[in-house]
Amino acid sequence: MKYLIFTILVLISLSSVTGQNKYLTKTGLLAFEASVPSFEEVAAKNNSVTAILNTENGDFAALVLVKAFRFKNALMEEHFNENYAESDRYPKSTFKGKIENFKFDALSEIDRSLSIDGSLTFHGVTKTIKDIPLTIKLIDNKIVLSGSFKVSVSDFNIEIPKIVQNKLSDKVSVAFKFELIKK
């Protein structure tokens, strides 16, 4: 009897997984900038972001390896990883959310403006972010999703030393672009 129940549960879970339409990338782009005028640019890019979109319900998730951010200046990259992001202690950042009013059948080669609500986890802190504007389109069987938003460094318990406080903005601009292919 236990075997029968187990088999039924496995079949139900497999059918729900295989019935879902998911689009995925492992080469998504995430960039941020925390520059202030008159000082050196504080910006980085990460071209190895993993992201997945469930086209049945608009659920979206992304995973970022923090050490994969690249800066123009190697010393800045080192300071980011050691002193601010503490990437040995917090190696990953995640975003989990839902695209509002998502309908796969409504996608075309024309940009469609939507928004996403979700939870961003960085530096061991999770914050809810609402109404992130994004554009989405379907080109050559790829879903192209892009947008930007701002977060505050202080929201993620990152302390900026007084000596460099005037060289870094507390508001960080984050931009993303994902070209998702069917899994």
N, C-alpha and C. Protein backbone atom coordinates (compact mmCIF):
# COMPACT_ATOMS: atom_id res chain seq x y z
N MET A 1 0.82 -1.20 0.00
CA MET A 1 0.00 0.00 0.00
C MET A 1 0.87 1.27 0.00
N LYS A 2 1.92 1.26 0.84
CA LYS A 2 2.82 2.41 0.87
C LYS A 2 3.47 2.63 -0.49
N TYR A 3 3.84 1.53 -1.16
CA TYR A 3 4.46 1.62 -2.47
C TYR A 3 3.51 2.25 -3.48
N LEU A 4 2.24 1.87 -3.44
CA LEU A 4 1.23 2.41 -4.35
C LEU A 4 1.06 3.92 -4.13
N ILE A 5 0.96 4.34 -2.89
CA ILE A 5 0.81 5.77 -2.58
C ILE A 5 2.04 6.53 -3.06
N PHE A 6 3.23 5.98 -2.79
CA PHE A 6 4.48 6.62 -3.22
C PHE A 6 4.51 6.76 -4.74
N THR A 7 4.15 5.70 -5.47
CA THR A 7 4.15 5.72 -6.93
C THR A 7 3.17 6.77 -7.46
N ILE A 8 2.00 6.85 -6.88
CA ILE A 8 1.01 7.83 -7.31
C ILE A 8 1.53 9.25 -7.09
N LEU A 9 2.13 9.49 -5.92
CA LEU A 9 2.69 10.82 -5.64
C LEU A 9 3.80 11.19 -6.61
N VAL A 10 4.66 10.23 -6.94
CA VAL A 10 5.75 10.50 -7.89
C VAL A 10 5.17 10.82 -9.26
N LEU A 11 4.19 10.06 -9.72
CA LEU A 11 3.59 10.31 -11.03
C LEU A 11 2.89 11.67 -11.08
N ILE A 12 2.21 12.03 -10.01
CA ILE A 12 1.55 13.34 -9.97
C ILE A 12 2.57 14.46 -10.03
N SER A 13 3.65 14.32 -9.26
CA SER A 13 4.67 15.38 -9.27
C SER A 13 5.38 15.45 -10.61
N LEU A 14 5.64 14.31 -11.24
CA LEU A 14 6.28 14.33 -12.56
C LEU A 14 5.38 14.95 -13.61
N SER A 15 4.10 14.65 -13.55
CA SER A 15 3.20 15.22 -14.56
C SER A 15 3.09 16.73 -14.39
N SER A 16 3.15 17.22 -13.16
CA SER A 16 3.07 18.67 -12.98
C SER A 16 4.35 19.34 -13.44
N VAL A 17 5.49 18.68 -13.30
CA VAL A 17 6.76 19.26 -13.75
C VAL A 17 6.84 19.24 -15.27
N THR A 18 6.49 18.13 -15.90
CA THR A 18 6.61 18.04 -17.35
C THR A 18 5.54 18.86 -18.05
N GLY A 19 4.43 19.15 -17.37
CA GLY A 19 3.37 19.93 -17.99
C GLY A 19 3.66 21.42 -18.00
N GLN A 20 4.67 21.83 -17.27
CA GLN A 20 4.97 23.25 -17.18
C GLN A 20 5.89 23.67 -18.32
N ASN A 21 5.64 24.84 -18.86
CA ASN A 21 6.49 25.40 -19.89
C ASN A 21 7.46 26.36 -19.23
N LYS A 22 8.72 26.02 -19.30
CA LYS A 22 9.74 26.85 -18.65
C LYS A 22 10.77 27.30 -19.67
N TYR A 23 11.16 28.55 -19.53
CA TYR A 23 12.20 29.14 -20.37
C TYR A 23 13.36 29.50 -19.44
N LEU A 24 14.59 29.26 -19.92
CA LEU A 24 15.76 29.33 -19.05
C LEU A 24 16.94 29.98 -19.75
N THR A 25 17.81 30.61 -18.97
CA THR A 25 19.11 31.05 -19.45
C THR A 25 20.14 30.87 -18.34
N LYS A 26 21.37 30.68 -18.74
CA LYS A 26 22.49 30.66 -17.80
C LYS A 26 23.48 31.77 -18.14
N THR A 27 23.08 32.62 -19.09
CA THR A 27 23.96 33.70 -19.54
C THR A 27 23.25 35.05 -19.48
N GLY A 28 22.41 35.22 -18.48
CA GLY A 28 21.72 36.49 -18.31
C GLY A 28 22.68 37.59 -17.89
N LEU A 29 22.29 38.82 -18.15
CA LEU A 29 23.12 39.98 -17.81
C LEU A 29 22.48 40.75 -16.65
N LEU A 30 23.31 41.05 -15.66
CA LEU A 30 22.91 41.89 -14.55
C LEU A 30 24.02 42.91 -14.35
N ALA A 31 23.66 44.17 -14.33
CA ALA A 31 24.65 45.24 -14.16
C ALA A 31 24.16 46.18 -13.07
N PHE A 32 25.12 46.75 -12.33
CA PHE A 32 24.72 47.75 -11.35
C PHE A 32 25.68 48.93 -11.38
N GLU A 33 25.17 50.06 -10.90
CA GLU A 33 25.99 51.26 -10.81
C GLU A 33 25.63 52.01 -9.53
N ALA A 34 26.67 52.43 -8.80
CA ALA A 34 26.48 53.19 -7.56
C ALA A 34 27.39 54.41 -7.57
N SER A 35 27.53 55.01 -8.73
CA SER A 35 28.44 56.14 -8.91
C SER A 35 27.81 57.44 -8.42
N VAL A 36 28.69 58.38 -8.10
CA VAL A 36 28.27 59.75 -7.81
C VAL A 36 29.09 60.67 -8.71
N PRO A 37 28.54 61.84 -9.06
CA PRO A 37 29.27 62.76 -9.94
C PRO A 37 30.63 63.15 -9.36
N SER A 38 31.58 63.38 -10.24
CA SER A 38 32.94 63.85 -9.91
C SER A 38 33.85 62.80 -9.29
N PHE A 39 33.39 61.56 -9.18
CA PHE A 39 34.24 60.50 -8.65
C PHE A 39 34.29 59.34 -9.63
N GLU A 40 35.19 58.41 -9.38
CA GLU A 40 35.37 57.25 -10.24
C GLU A 40 34.08 56.44 -10.34
N GLU A 41 33.82 55.94 -11.54
CA GLU A 41 32.62 55.14 -11.77
C GLU A 41 32.67 53.87 -10.91
N VAL A 42 31.56 53.61 -10.24
CA VAL A 42 31.40 52.38 -9.46
C VAL A 42 30.33 51.57 -10.16
N ALA A 43 30.77 50.64 -11.01
CA ALA A 43 29.83 49.86 -11.81
C ALA A 43 30.41 48.48 -12.08
N ALA A 44 29.53 47.50 -12.25
CA ALA A 44 29.97 46.14 -12.53
C ALA A 44 28.92 45.42 -13.36
N LYS A 45 29.38 44.36 -14.05
CA LYS A 45 28.49 43.53 -14.86
C LYS A 45 28.73 42.06 -14.53
N ASN A 46 27.66 41.29 -14.68
CA ASN A 46 27.72 39.85 -14.49
C ASN A 46 26.99 39.22 -15.68
N ASN A 47 27.70 38.44 -16.49
CA ASN A 47 27.11 37.82 -17.69
C ASN A 47 26.78 36.34 -17.51
N SER A 48 26.73 35.88 -16.27
CA SER A 48 26.46 34.46 -16.04
C SER A 48 25.32 34.26 -15.04
N VAL A 49 24.28 35.05 -15.20
CA VAL A 49 23.12 34.95 -14.32
C VAL A 49 22.19 33.85 -14.84
N THR A 50 21.77 32.98 -13.95
CA THR A 50 20.81 31.93 -14.29
C THR A 50 19.41 32.45 -13.98
N ALA A 51 18.50 32.29 -14.93
CA ALA A 51 17.13 32.74 -14.72
C ALA A 51 16.16 31.76 -15.37
N ILE A 52 14.98 31.64 -14.77
CA ILE A 52 13.96 30.74 -15.30
C ILE A 52 12.59 31.41 -15.18
N LEU A 53 11.78 31.22 -16.21
CA LEU A 53 10.43 31.77 -16.26
C LEU A 53 9.45 30.65 -16.55
N ASN A 54 8.44 30.53 -15.71
CA ASN A 54 7.36 29.59 -15.94
C ASN A 54 6.30 30.33 -16.75
N THR A 55 6.11 29.92 -18.00
CA THR A 55 5.19 30.64 -18.89
C THR A 55 3.72 30.32 -18.63
N GLU A 56 3.45 29.38 -17.75
CA GLU A 56 2.06 29.10 -17.41
C GLU A 56 1.50 30.10 -16.40
N ASN A 57 2.38 30.63 -15.53
CA ASN A 57 1.86 31.50 -14.47
C ASN A 57 2.68 32.78 -14.24
N GLY A 58 3.78 32.96 -14.97
CA GLY A 58 4.59 34.17 -14.81
C GLY A 58 5.58 34.14 -13.66
N ASP A 59 5.72 33.00 -13.00
CA ASP A 59 6.71 32.89 -11.92
C ASP A 59 8.11 33.01 -12.52
N PHE A 60 8.96 33.78 -11.86
CA PHE A 60 10.30 34.06 -12.35
C PHE A 60 11.29 33.94 -11.20
N ALA A 61 12.47 33.40 -11.50
CA ALA A 61 13.53 33.32 -10.49
C ALA A 61 14.87 33.53 -11.17
N ALA A 62 15.79 34.15 -10.44
CA ALA A 62 17.15 34.38 -10.95
C ALA A 62 18.15 34.11 -9.83
N LEU A 63 19.31 33.59 -10.22
CA LEU A 63 20.39 33.29 -9.29
C LEU A 63 21.67 33.94 -9.81
N VAL A 64 22.34 34.67 -8.93
CA VAL A 64 23.56 35.39 -9.29
C VAL A 64 24.69 34.92 -8.38
N LEU A 65 25.82 34.55 -8.97
CA LEU A 65 27.02 34.30 -8.19
C LEU A 65 27.71 35.65 -8.02
N VAL A 66 27.81 36.10 -6.80
CA VAL A 66 28.28 37.46 -6.51
C VAL A 66 29.71 37.68 -7.01
N LYS A 67 30.56 36.68 -6.89
CA LYS A 67 31.96 36.84 -7.33
C LYS A 67 32.10 36.97 -8.85
N ALA A 68 31.01 36.74 -9.59
CA ALA A 68 31.08 36.83 -11.05
C ALA A 68 30.89 38.27 -11.56
N PHE A 69 30.65 39.22 -10.67
CA PHE A 69 30.58 40.62 -11.10
C PHE A 69 31.97 41.10 -11.49
N ARG A 70 32.05 41.77 -12.63
CA ARG A 70 33.34 42.28 -13.13
C ARG A 70 33.31 43.80 -13.16
N PHE A 71 34.35 44.39 -12.60
CA PHE A 71 34.53 45.84 -12.55
C PHE A 71 35.64 46.22 -13.53
N LYS A 72 35.71 47.50 -13.88
CA LYS A 72 36.81 47.98 -14.72
C LYS A 72 38.12 47.96 -13.96
N ASN A 73 38.04 48.10 -12.65
CA ASN A 73 39.20 48.21 -11.79
C ASN A 73 39.28 46.97 -10.89
N ALA A 74 40.38 46.22 -10.95
CA ALA A 74 40.52 44.99 -10.17
C ALA A 74 40.48 45.25 -8.67
N LEU A 75 41.04 46.37 -8.24
CA LEU A 75 41.04 46.69 -6.81
C LEU A 75 39.61 46.97 -6.33
N MET A 76 38.82 47.63 -7.16
CA MET A 76 37.43 47.89 -6.81
C MET A 76 36.66 46.57 -6.68
N GLU A 77 36.94 45.64 -7.58
CA GLU A 77 36.30 44.32 -7.54
C GLU A 77 36.67 43.59 -6.25
N GLU A 78 37.93 43.67 -5.87
CA GLU A 78 38.39 43.04 -4.64
C GLU A 78 37.70 43.66 -3.42
N HIS A 79 37.63 44.98 -3.37
CA HIS A 79 36.96 45.66 -2.25
C HIS A 79 35.48 45.30 -2.20
N PHE A 80 34.83 45.24 -3.36
CA PHE A 80 33.42 44.87 -3.42
C PHE A 80 33.20 43.49 -2.80
N ASN A 81 34.02 42.51 -3.22
CA ASN A 81 33.84 41.14 -2.74
C ASN A 81 34.21 40.97 -1.26
N GLU A 82 35.28 41.62 -0.83
CA GLU A 82 35.75 41.42 0.54
C GLU A 82 35.03 42.30 1.56
N ASN A 83 34.84 43.57 1.25
CA ASN A 83 34.37 44.52 2.26
C ASN A 83 32.88 44.82 2.22
N TYR A 84 32.26 44.76 1.06
CA TYR A 84 30.87 45.17 0.94
C TYR A 84 29.93 43.98 0.76
N ALA A 85 30.12 43.22 -0.31
CA ALA A 85 29.24 42.07 -0.57
C ALA A 85 29.57 40.89 0.33
N GLU A 86 30.81 40.84 0.83
CA GLU A 86 31.27 39.70 1.64
C GLU A 86 30.92 38.40 0.93
N SER A 87 31.38 38.28 -0.30
CA SER A 87 30.96 37.18 -1.17
C SER A 87 31.43 35.80 -0.73
N ASP A 88 32.43 35.71 0.13
CA ASP A 88 32.77 34.39 0.69
C ASP A 88 31.69 33.94 1.66
N ARG A 89 31.14 34.88 2.39
CA ARG A 89 30.09 34.57 3.36
C ARG A 89 28.71 34.48 2.69
N TYR A 90 28.47 35.33 1.70
CA TYR A 90 27.20 35.37 0.97
C TYR A 90 27.48 35.22 -0.52
N PRO A 91 27.74 34.00 -0.99
CA PRO A 91 28.19 33.81 -2.38
C PRO A 91 27.11 33.99 -3.45
N LYS A 92 25.84 33.93 -3.06
CA LYS A 92 24.76 34.00 -4.04
C LYS A 92 23.77 35.10 -3.70
N SER A 93 23.16 35.61 -4.74
CA SER A 93 22.04 36.53 -4.60
C SER A 93 20.90 35.94 -5.43
N THR A 94 19.68 36.08 -4.94
CA THR A 94 18.53 35.52 -5.66
C THR A 94 17.41 36.54 -5.77
N PHE A 95 16.61 36.33 -6.79
CA PHE A 95 15.37 37.08 -6.95
C PHE A 95 14.29 36.08 -7.30
N LYS A 96 13.17 36.14 -6.59
CA LYS A 96 12.02 35.28 -6.88
C LYS A 96 10.80 36.18 -6.95
N GLY A 97 10.07 36.07 -8.06
CA GLY A 97 8.92 36.94 -8.20
C GLY A 97 7.90 36.42 -9.19
N LYS A 98 6.94 37.28 -9.48
CA LYS A 98 5.87 36.94 -10.41
C LYS A 98 5.61 38.13 -11.31
N ILE A 99 5.61 37.88 -12.62
CA ILE A 99 5.30 38.92 -13.59
C ILE A 99 3.79 39.13 -13.59
N GLU A 100 3.39 40.36 -13.31
CA GLU A 100 1.97 40.68 -13.23
C GLU A 100 1.33 40.63 -14.62
N ASN A 101 0.14 40.06 -14.69
CA ASN A 101 -0.65 39.98 -15.93
C ASN A 101 0.11 39.30 -17.07
N PHE A 102 0.95 38.33 -16.73
CA PHE A 102 1.72 37.63 -17.76
C PHE A 102 0.81 36.68 -18.53
N LYS A 103 0.90 36.76 -19.86
CA LYS A 103 0.18 35.83 -20.74
C LYS A 103 1.13 35.47 -21.88
N PHE A 104 1.53 34.23 -21.93
CA PHE A 104 2.47 33.80 -22.96
C PHE A 104 1.91 34.05 -24.35
N ASP A 105 0.61 33.79 -24.52
CA ASP A 105 -0.02 33.94 -25.84
C ASP A 105 -0.01 35.39 -26.33
N ALA A 106 0.16 36.35 -25.44
CA ALA A 106 0.16 37.77 -25.82
C ALA A 106 1.55 38.25 -26.25
N LEU A 107 2.58 37.41 -26.12
CA LEU A 107 3.93 37.82 -26.49
C LEU A 107 4.11 37.85 -28.00
N SER A 108 4.88 38.83 -28.47
CA SER A 108 5.20 38.94 -29.89
C SER A 108 6.56 39.62 -30.01
N GLU A 109 6.93 39.99 -31.23
CA GLU A 109 8.20 40.67 -31.45
C GLU A 109 8.17 42.13 -31.00
N ILE A 110 7.01 42.59 -30.62
CA ILE A 110 6.85 43.97 -30.15
C ILE A 110 7.01 44.00 -28.63
N ASP A 111 7.81 44.95 -28.14
CA ASP A 111 8.00 45.10 -26.70
C ASP A 111 6.65 45.27 -26.00
N ARG A 112 6.48 44.54 -24.92
CA ARG A 112 5.29 44.67 -24.09
C ARG A 112 5.74 45.11 -22.71
N SER A 113 5.14 46.14 -22.17
CA SER A 113 5.51 46.65 -20.84
C SER A 113 4.68 45.97 -19.77
N LEU A 114 5.37 45.36 -18.82
CA LEU A 114 4.73 44.71 -17.68
C LEU A 114 5.51 45.09 -16.43
N SER A 115 5.16 44.49 -15.31
CA SER A 115 5.92 44.71 -14.09
C SER A 115 6.03 43.39 -13.33
N ILE A 116 6.99 43.36 -12.43
CA ILE A 116 7.21 42.17 -11.63
C ILE A 116 7.33 42.58 -10.17
N ASP A 117 6.75 41.78 -9.30
CA ASP A 117 6.90 41.93 -7.85
C ASP A 117 7.68 40.72 -7.37
N GLY A 118 8.57 40.94 -6.40
CA GLY A 118 9.31 39.80 -5.91
C GLY A 118 10.16 40.11 -4.70
N SER A 119 10.99 39.13 -4.35
CA SER A 119 11.88 39.23 -3.21
C SER A 119 13.32 39.11 -3.68
N LEU A 120 14.12 40.09 -3.32
CA LEU A 120 15.54 40.10 -3.65
C LEU A 120 16.33 39.77 -2.38
N THR A 121 17.19 38.76 -2.49
CA THR A 121 18.07 38.40 -1.38
C THR A 121 19.50 38.71 -1.77
N PHE A 122 20.14 39.55 -0.96
CA PHE A 122 21.54 39.93 -1.18
C PHE A 122 22.17 40.18 0.19
N HIS A 123 23.39 39.73 0.36
CA HIS A 123 24.13 39.97 1.61
C HIS A 123 23.37 39.41 2.81
N GLY A 124 22.63 38.30 2.58
CA GLY A 124 21.90 37.64 3.65
C GLY A 124 20.60 38.31 4.06
N VAL A 125 20.19 39.34 3.33
CA VAL A 125 18.97 40.10 3.65
C VAL A 125 17.99 39.97 2.48
N THR A 126 16.73 39.70 2.80
CA THR A 126 15.69 39.60 1.77
C THR A 126 14.77 40.81 1.88
N LYS A 127 14.56 41.46 0.74
CA LYS A 127 13.68 42.63 0.68
C LYS A 127 12.65 42.41 -0.43
N THR A 128 11.42 42.82 -0.17
CA THR A 128 10.37 42.77 -1.18
C THR A 128 10.48 44.02 -2.05
N ILE A 129 10.41 43.80 -3.35
CA ILE A 129 10.45 44.90 -4.30
C ILE A 129 9.19 44.80 -5.16
N LYS A 130 8.46 45.90 -5.24
CA LYS A 130 7.19 45.92 -5.98
C LYS A 130 7.31 46.75 -7.25
N ASP A 131 6.53 46.35 -8.23
CA ASP A 131 6.35 47.13 -9.47
C ASP A 131 7.65 47.45 -10.20
N ILE A 132 8.50 46.45 -10.38
CA ILE A 132 9.70 46.64 -11.19
C ILE A 132 9.25 46.65 -12.65
N PRO A 133 9.43 47.77 -13.36
CA PRO A 133 9.01 47.81 -14.76
C PRO A 133 9.93 46.96 -15.62
N LEU A 134 9.34 46.28 -16.58
CA LEU A 134 10.14 45.48 -17.51
C LEU A 134 9.50 45.46 -18.87
N THR A 135 10.32 45.14 -19.86
CA THR A 135 9.79 44.91 -21.21
C THR A 135 10.04 43.45 -21.54
N ILE A 136 9.12 42.90 -22.29
CA ILE A 136 9.21 41.49 -22.63
C ILE A 136 8.74 41.32 -24.07
N LYS A 137 9.40 40.44 -24.79
CA LYS A 137 9.00 40.13 -26.16
C LYS A 137 9.46 38.72 -26.51
N LEU A 138 8.92 38.18 -27.59
CA LEU A 138 9.26 36.85 -28.07
C LEU A 138 9.87 36.99 -29.46
N ILE A 139 11.16 36.63 -29.57
CA ILE A 139 11.87 36.72 -30.85
C ILE A 139 12.59 35.40 -31.09
N ASP A 140 12.35 34.79 -32.25
CA ASP A 140 13.01 33.53 -32.63
C ASP A 140 12.92 32.49 -31.51
N ASN A 141 11.74 32.31 -30.96
CA ASN A 141 11.48 31.35 -29.89
C ASN A 141 12.25 31.64 -28.60
N LYS A 142 12.73 32.86 -28.43
CA LYS A 142 13.38 33.29 -27.19
C LYS A 142 12.53 34.37 -26.56
N ILE A 143 12.37 34.28 -25.25
CA ILE A 143 11.72 35.35 -24.51
C ILE A 143 12.81 36.31 -24.05
N VAL A 144 12.72 37.55 -24.48
CA VAL A 144 13.69 38.58 -24.10
C VAL A 144 13.03 39.47 -23.05
N LEU A 145 13.64 39.49 -21.88
CA LEU A 145 13.09 40.20 -20.73
C LEU A 145 14.14 41.19 -20.24
N SER A 146 13.78 42.46 -20.11
CA SER A 146 14.76 43.45 -19.63
C SER A 146 14.07 44.52 -18.79
N GLY A 147 14.88 45.17 -17.96
CA GLY A 147 14.33 46.22 -17.12
C GLY A 147 15.38 46.76 -16.17
N SER A 148 14.93 47.62 -15.28
CA SER A 148 15.85 48.18 -14.29
C SER A 148 15.07 48.63 -13.06
N PHE A 149 15.80 48.76 -11.97
CA PHE A 149 15.21 49.22 -10.71
C PHE A 149 16.32 49.75 -9.82
N LYS A 150 15.95 50.34 -8.70
CA LYS A 150 16.93 50.86 -7.75
C LYS A 150 16.72 50.22 -6.39
N VAL A 151 17.83 50.03 -5.69
CA VAL A 151 17.80 49.54 -4.31
C VAL A 151 18.74 50.41 -3.48
N SER A 152 18.53 50.40 -2.19
CA SER A 152 19.40 51.14 -1.27
C SER A 152 20.40 50.18 -0.64
N VAL A 153 21.65 50.57 -0.64
CA VAL A 153 22.71 49.77 -0.02
C VAL A 153 22.36 49.51 1.44
N SER A 154 21.85 50.53 2.12
CA SER A 154 21.54 50.40 3.55
C SER A 154 20.44 49.38 3.82
N ASP A 155 19.56 49.11 2.85
CA ASP A 155 18.51 48.10 3.04
C ASP A 155 19.07 46.70 3.19
N PHE A 156 20.30 46.49 2.75
CA PHE A 156 20.90 45.16 2.78
C PHE A 156 22.03 45.06 3.80
N ASN A 157 21.98 45.94 4.80
CA ASN A 157 22.95 45.93 5.91
C ASN A 157 24.39 45.98 5.44
N ILE A 158 24.64 46.78 4.43
CA ILE A 158 26.01 46.97 3.95
C ILE A 158 26.48 48.32 4.47
N GLU A 159 27.54 48.29 5.23
CA GLU A 159 28.08 49.51 5.81
C GLU A 159 29.16 50.09 4.91
N ILE A 160 29.02 51.36 4.59
CA ILE A 160 30.01 52.06 3.77
C ILE A 160 30.89 52.87 4.73
N PRO A 161 32.20 52.63 4.74
CA PRO A 161 33.08 53.40 5.62
C PRO A 161 33.00 54.90 5.32
N LYS A 162 33.10 55.70 6.36
CA LYS A 162 33.00 57.16 6.21
C LYS A 162 33.98 57.72 5.20
N ILE A 163 35.15 57.12 5.11
CA ILE A 163 36.19 57.64 4.21
C ILE A 163 35.77 57.59 2.74
N VAL A 164 34.86 56.67 2.38
CA VAL A 164 34.42 56.57 0.98
C VAL A 164 32.93 56.85 0.79
N GLN A 165 32.23 57.24 1.84
CA GLN A 165 30.79 57.47 1.74
C GLN A 165 30.41 58.47 0.66
N ASN A 166 31.22 59.50 0.49
CA ASN A 166 30.88 60.51 -0.52
C ASN A 166 31.22 60.07 -1.94
N LYS A 167 31.88 58.91 -2.09
CA LYS A 167 32.25 58.40 -3.41
C LYS A 167 31.28 57.33 -3.93
N LEU A 168 30.37 56.90 -3.06
CA LEU A 168 29.41 55.86 -3.42
C LEU A 168 28.00 56.35 -3.16
N SER A 169 27.11 56.04 -4.06
CA SER A 169 25.70 56.37 -3.87
C SER A 169 25.04 55.29 -3.02
N ASP A 170 24.15 55.70 -2.12
CA ASP A 170 23.38 54.70 -1.36
C ASP A 170 22.35 54.04 -2.27
N LYS A 171 21.91 54.76 -3.30
CA LYS A 171 20.96 54.21 -4.27
C LYS A 171 21.74 53.54 -5.40
N VAL A 172 21.49 52.26 -5.59
CA VAL A 172 22.17 51.49 -6.62
C VAL A 172 21.20 51.22 -7.76
N SER A 173 21.59 51.58 -8.97
CA SER A 173 20.78 51.29 -10.16
C SER A 173 21.14 49.90 -10.65
N VAL A 174 20.13 49.06 -10.82
CA VAL A 174 20.33 47.68 -11.27
C VAL A 174 19.60 47.51 -12.59
N ALA A 175 20.30 46.97 -13.60
CA ALA A 175 19.69 46.69 -14.90
C ALA A 175 19.86 45.21 -15.22
N PHE A 176 18.88 44.64 -15.91
CA PHE A 176 18.94 43.22 -16.25
C PHE A 176 18.44 42.99 -17.66
N LYS A 177 18.96 41.91 -18.26
CA LYS A 177 18.48 41.47 -19.57
C LYS A 177 18.68 39.96 -19.65
N PHE A 178 17.61 39.26 -19.98
CA PHE A 178 17.65 37.81 -20.09
C PHE A 178 17.07 37.38 -21.43
N GLU A 179 17.76 36.48 -22.12
CA GLU A 179 17.25 35.84 -23.33
C GLU A 179 17.00 34.39 -22.96
N LEU A 180 15.74 34.07 -22.73
CA LEU A 180 15.35 32.77 -22.20
C LEU A 180 14.92 31.84 -23.34
N ILE A 181 15.41 30.61 -23.30
CA ILE A 181 15.01 29.61 -24.30
C ILE A 181 14.24 28.49 -23.62
N LYS A 182 13.37 27.83 -24.39
CA LYS A 182 12.53 26.79 -23.82
C LYS A 182 13.37 25.64 -23.31
N LYS A 183 13.04 25.22 -22.13
CA LYS A 183 13.77 24.14 -21.45
C LYS A 183 13.31 22.80 -21.98
